[in-house]
């Protein structure tokens, strides 16, 4: 399996967010994307997932000479947690488990992995910011997708929660997964690739 991007570019209001950006990732590799707010980190992640179309260049996923849409092989964790606020933690994960269809772990097992089994019956909206983020990360454990695309995955996590999450990320890599993470917080895992997005931005964007 090879995930690659070639000469990617994105614009905002006719200004270049980034251009000439390429990468190539193999199983067990981590790529981080860094840069100030507004420079285009989330845009790049959405281009990789296929949610946005690149202004220039293309992203491809190949496995055994076959090409596949990235969306069919990835979990995407955005900055919002994609949970229904009034449903319980368990009900939210049961919804996602049914949505994915192919089960790797049960919702109970995913919550145990993330260290939140005791909160499964609470409404999602009363959780702390860090607890909400951990539930969102538990969603990734329900169904096997080899590529994890993560937007600020460590946001709101205390040091204990960060340790739990880093162990989950490391396990995914050890099992042959790929992780792409836009982050202000170091993940504590050695990166195979690091994109400092400001190096690919226009002079106008660097000045703002």
Protein backbone atom coordinates (compact mmCIF):
# COMPACT_ATOMS: atom_id res chain seq x y z
CA UNK A 1 0.00 0.00 0.00
CA UNK A 2 1.32 3.41 -1.02
CA UNK A 3 -0.41 6.73 -0.28
CA UNK A 4 1.02 9.62 -2.26
CA UNK A 5 0.34 13.22 -3.13
CA UNK A 6 1.98 14.92 -6.08
CA UNK A 7 2.42 18.67 -6.64
CA UNK A 8 -0.64 19.55 -4.55
CA UNK A 9 -1.92 23.11 -4.45
CA UNK A 10 -4.88 24.85 -2.82
CA UNK A 11 -6.20 28.40 -3.08
CA UNK A 12 -8.32 30.59 -0.82
CA UNK A 13 -9.93 33.70 -2.26
CA UNK A 14 -7.55 33.48 -5.24
CA UNK A 15 -4.52 33.40 -2.92
CA UNK A 16 -2.24 30.40 -2.78
CA UNK A 17 -2.54 28.47 0.48
CA UNK A 18 0.15 26.01 -0.57
CA UNK A 19 1.62 24.69 -3.78
CA UNK A 20 4.18 22.20 -5.02
CA UNK A 21 3.54 19.87 -2.09
CA UNK A 22 4.32 16.16 -2.52
CA UNK A 23 4.59 13.17 -0.20
CA UNK A 24 4.77 9.38 -0.31
CA UNK A 25 3.78 7.16 2.62
CA UNK A 26 4.07 3.44 3.24
CA UNK A 27 2.66 1.17 5.98
CA UNK A 28 3.92 1.91 9.51
CA UNK A 29 4.71 5.54 8.63
CA UNK A 30 3.64 8.76 10.33
CA UNK A 31 3.50 12.15 8.64
CA UNK A 32 2.84 15.31 10.63
CA UNK A 33 1.68 18.63 9.22
CA UNK A 34 2.55 21.79 11.13
CA UNK A 35 2.01 25.50 10.68
CA UNK A 36 0.12 28.47 12.12
CA UNK A 37 -3.66 28.63 12.19
CA UNK A 38 -5.24 29.48 8.85
CA UNK A 39 -2.34 28.31 6.71
CA UNK A 40 -4.26 25.38 5.24
CA UNK A 41 -3.57 22.32 7.39
CA UNK A 42 -7.22 21.26 7.53
CA UNK A 43 -7.61 21.98 3.83
CA UNK A 44 -4.71 19.67 3.04
CA UNK A 45 -6.20 16.89 5.16
CA UNK A 46 -9.54 17.23 3.37
CA UNK A 47 -7.80 17.08 0.01
CA UNK A 48 -6.06 13.87 1.05
CA UNK A 49 -9.34 12.30 2.19
CA UNK A 50 -11.09 13.34 -1.01
CA UNK A 51 -13.52 15.74 0.67
CA UNK A 52 -11.92 18.68 -1.19
CA UNK A 53 -10.47 18.73 -4.67
CA UNK A 54 -6.94 20.04 -5.06
CA UNK A 55 -6.51 23.09 -7.28
CA UNK A 56 -3.48 21.33 -8.74
CA UNK A 57 -1.97 17.88 -8.38
CA UNK A 58 -3.53 14.65 -7.19
CA UNK A 59 -3.61 12.13 -4.36
CA UNK A 60 -3.51 8.39 -5.00
CA UNK A 61 -3.73 5.19 -2.99
CA UNK A 62 -2.30 2.07 -4.59
CA UNK A 63 -2.18 -1.49 -3.35
CA UNK A 64 -0.91 -4.38 -5.47
CA UNK A 65 -1.04 -2.20 -8.60
CA UNK A 66 -4.70 -1.35 -7.99
CA UNK A 67 -5.81 2.23 -7.31
CA UNK A 68 -8.47 2.98 -4.69
CA UNK A 69 -10.23 6.11 -3.41
CA UNK A 70 -8.55 7.18 -0.18
CA UNK A 71 -11.96 7.58 1.47
CA UNK A 72 -12.57 3.82 1.29
CA UNK A 73 -9.47 3.11 3.37
CA UNK A 74 -9.31 5.98 5.86
CA UNK A 75 -10.73 7.23 9.11
CA UNK A 76 -10.91 11.03 9.25
CA UNK A 77 -10.89 12.75 12.64
CA UNK A 78 -11.79 16.41 12.21
CA UNK A 79 -11.52 19.13 14.83
CA UNK A 80 -15.20 18.63 15.64
CA UNK A 81 -15.94 15.27 17.19
CA UNK A 82 -18.83 14.06 14.99
CA UNK A 83 -20.98 12.88 17.89
CA UNK A 84 -24.63 13.58 18.71
CA UNK A 85 -24.60 15.68 21.89
CA UNK A 86 -27.76 14.29 23.52
CA UNK A 87 -27.00 10.62 22.93
CA UNK A 88 -24.98 8.66 25.45
CA UNK A 89 -21.34 7.90 24.79
CA UNK A 90 -22.21 4.25 24.15
CA UNK A 91 -25.13 5.07 21.85
CA UNK A 92 -22.90 7.34 19.78
CA UNK A 93 -20.33 4.60 19.28
CA UNK A 94 -23.03 2.03 18.56
CA UNK A 95 -24.31 4.34 15.82
CA UNK A 96 -20.85 4.55 14.25
CA UNK A 97 -20.33 0.81 14.63
CA UNK A 98 -23.54 0.15 12.69
CA UNK A 99 -22.56 2.77 10.11
CA UNK A 100 -19.18 1.14 9.43
CA UNK A 101 -20.59 -2.38 9.29
CA UNK A 102 -17.23 -4.16 9.47
CA UNK A 103 -16.39 -4.52 13.14
CA UNK A 104 -12.87 -4.59 14.55
CA UNK A 105 -13.83 -3.80 18.15
CA UNK A 106 -17.15 -3.42 19.90
CA UNK A 107 -18.08 -0.02 21.35
CA UNK A 108 -17.44 -1.45 24.83
CA UNK A 109 -13.97 -2.60 23.81
CA UNK A 110 -13.15 0.73 22.15
CA UNK A 111 -14.15 2.62 25.29
CA UNK A 112 -12.02 0.30 27.41
CA UNK A 113 -9.06 0.94 25.11
CA UNK A 114 -9.45 4.70 25.47
CA UNK A 115 -10.01 4.46 29.25
CA UNK A 116 -13.61 5.70 29.40
CA UNK A 117 -15.68 2.60 30.18
CA UNK A 118 -17.12 4.23 33.30
CA UNK A 119 -18.63 7.07 31.25
CA UNK A 120 -20.44 5.01 28.61
CA UNK A 121 -23.96 5.85 29.84
CA UNK A 122 -23.42 9.61 30.19
CA UNK A 123 -24.73 12.04 27.56
CA UNK A 124 -21.92 13.10 25.28
CA UNK A 125 -22.58 16.81 25.84
CA UNK A 126 -21.72 16.73 29.55
CA UNK A 127 -18.22 15.33 29.02
CA UNK A 128 -15.14 17.49 29.34
CA UNK A 129 -13.35 18.67 26.20
CA UNK A 130 -10.67 16.02 26.61
CA UNK A 131 -13.17 13.23 27.27
CA UNK A 132 -15.09 14.18 24.13
CA UNK A 133 -11.90 13.98 22.12
CA UNK A 134 -11.12 10.55 23.51
CA UNK A 135 -14.58 9.28 22.54
CA UNK A 136 -14.01 10.62 19.03
CA UNK A 137 -10.71 8.73 18.89
CA UNK A 138 -12.46 5.58 20.14
CA UNK A 139 -14.53 5.73 16.94
CA UNK A 140 -11.38 4.96 14.95
CA UNK A 141 -11.09 1.62 16.75
CA UNK A 142 -14.48 0.28 15.71
CA UNK A 143 -13.63 -0.62 12.12
CA UNK A 144 -10.33 -1.35 10.43
CA UNK A 145 -9.20 1.43 8.12
CA UNK A 146 -5.44 1.37 7.47
CA UNK A 147 -5.12 5.15 7.03
CA UNK A 148 -5.89 7.54 9.88
CA UNK A 149 -6.12 11.23 8.96
CA UNK A 150 -6.22 13.32 12.12
CA UNK A 151 -6.83 17.03 12.65
CA UNK A 152 -5.42 18.18 16.02
CA UNK A 153 -5.92 14.77 17.66
CA UNK A 154 -4.34 15.85 20.96
CA UNK A 155 -6.56 18.90 21.42
CA UNK A 156 -7.86 19.17 24.99
CA UNK A 157 -6.08 16.06 26.27
CA UNK A 158 -4.25 16.05 29.59
CA UNK A 159 -0.95 14.21 29.97
CA UNK A 160 -2.60 10.95 31.08
CA UNK A 161 -4.99 10.96 28.12
CA UNK A 162 -2.16 11.84 25.75
CA UNK A 163 -0.26 8.75 26.89
CA UNK A 164 -3.29 6.54 26.21
CA UNK A 165 -3.84 8.06 22.78
CA UNK A 166 -0.18 7.88 21.77
CA UNK A 167 -0.15 4.18 22.65
CA UNK A 168 -3.19 3.65 20.42
CA UNK A 169 -1.52 5.52 17.56
CA UNK A 170 1.69 3.54 17.98
CA UNK A 171 -0.24 0.27 17.95
CA UNK A 172 -1.96 1.27 14.72
CA UNK A 173 1.41 2.00 13.12
CA UNK A 174 2.90 -1.24 14.42
CA UNK A 175 0.02 -3.13 12.81
CA UNK A 176 0.83 -1.68 9.40
CA UNK A 177 -1.25 1.49 9.49
CA UNK A 178 -0.49 4.96 8.16
CA UNK A 179 -1.15 8.14 10.15
CA UNK A 180 -1.28 11.71 8.85
CA UNK A 181 -1.75 14.27 11.62
CA UNK A 182 -2.07 18.04 11.54
CA UNK A 183 -1.00 19.09 15.00
CA UNK A 184 0.36 21.86 17.17
CA UNK A 185 1.28 19.30 19.84
CA UNK A 186 4.06 16.76 19.23
CA UNK A 187 2.63 13.25 19.20
CA UNK A 188 5.60 11.71 20.97
CA UNK A 189 6.13 9.26 18.10
CA UNK A 190 9.07 9.56 15.68
CA UNK A 191 7.87 11.01 12.38
CA UNK A 192 8.84 9.52 9.04
CA UNK A 193 7.83 12.74 7.28
CA UNK A 194 7.13 16.25 8.51
CA UNK A 195 5.52 18.96 6.39
CA UNK A 196 6.03 22.51 7.64
CA UNK A 197 3.22 23.98 5.58
CA UNK A 198 4.55 27.54 5.64
CA UNK A 199 7.37 26.38 3.37
CA UNK A 200 4.79 25.72 0.65
CA UNK A 201 2.69 28.86 1.14
CA UNK A 202 2.74 32.05 -0.89
CA UNK A 203 4.58 35.14 0.43
CA UNK A 204 1.20 36.85 0.95
CA UNK A 205 -0.01 33.99 3.16
CA UNK A 206 3.21 33.99 5.18
CA UNK A 207 2.73 37.67 5.96
CA UNK A 208 -0.79 37.22 7.36
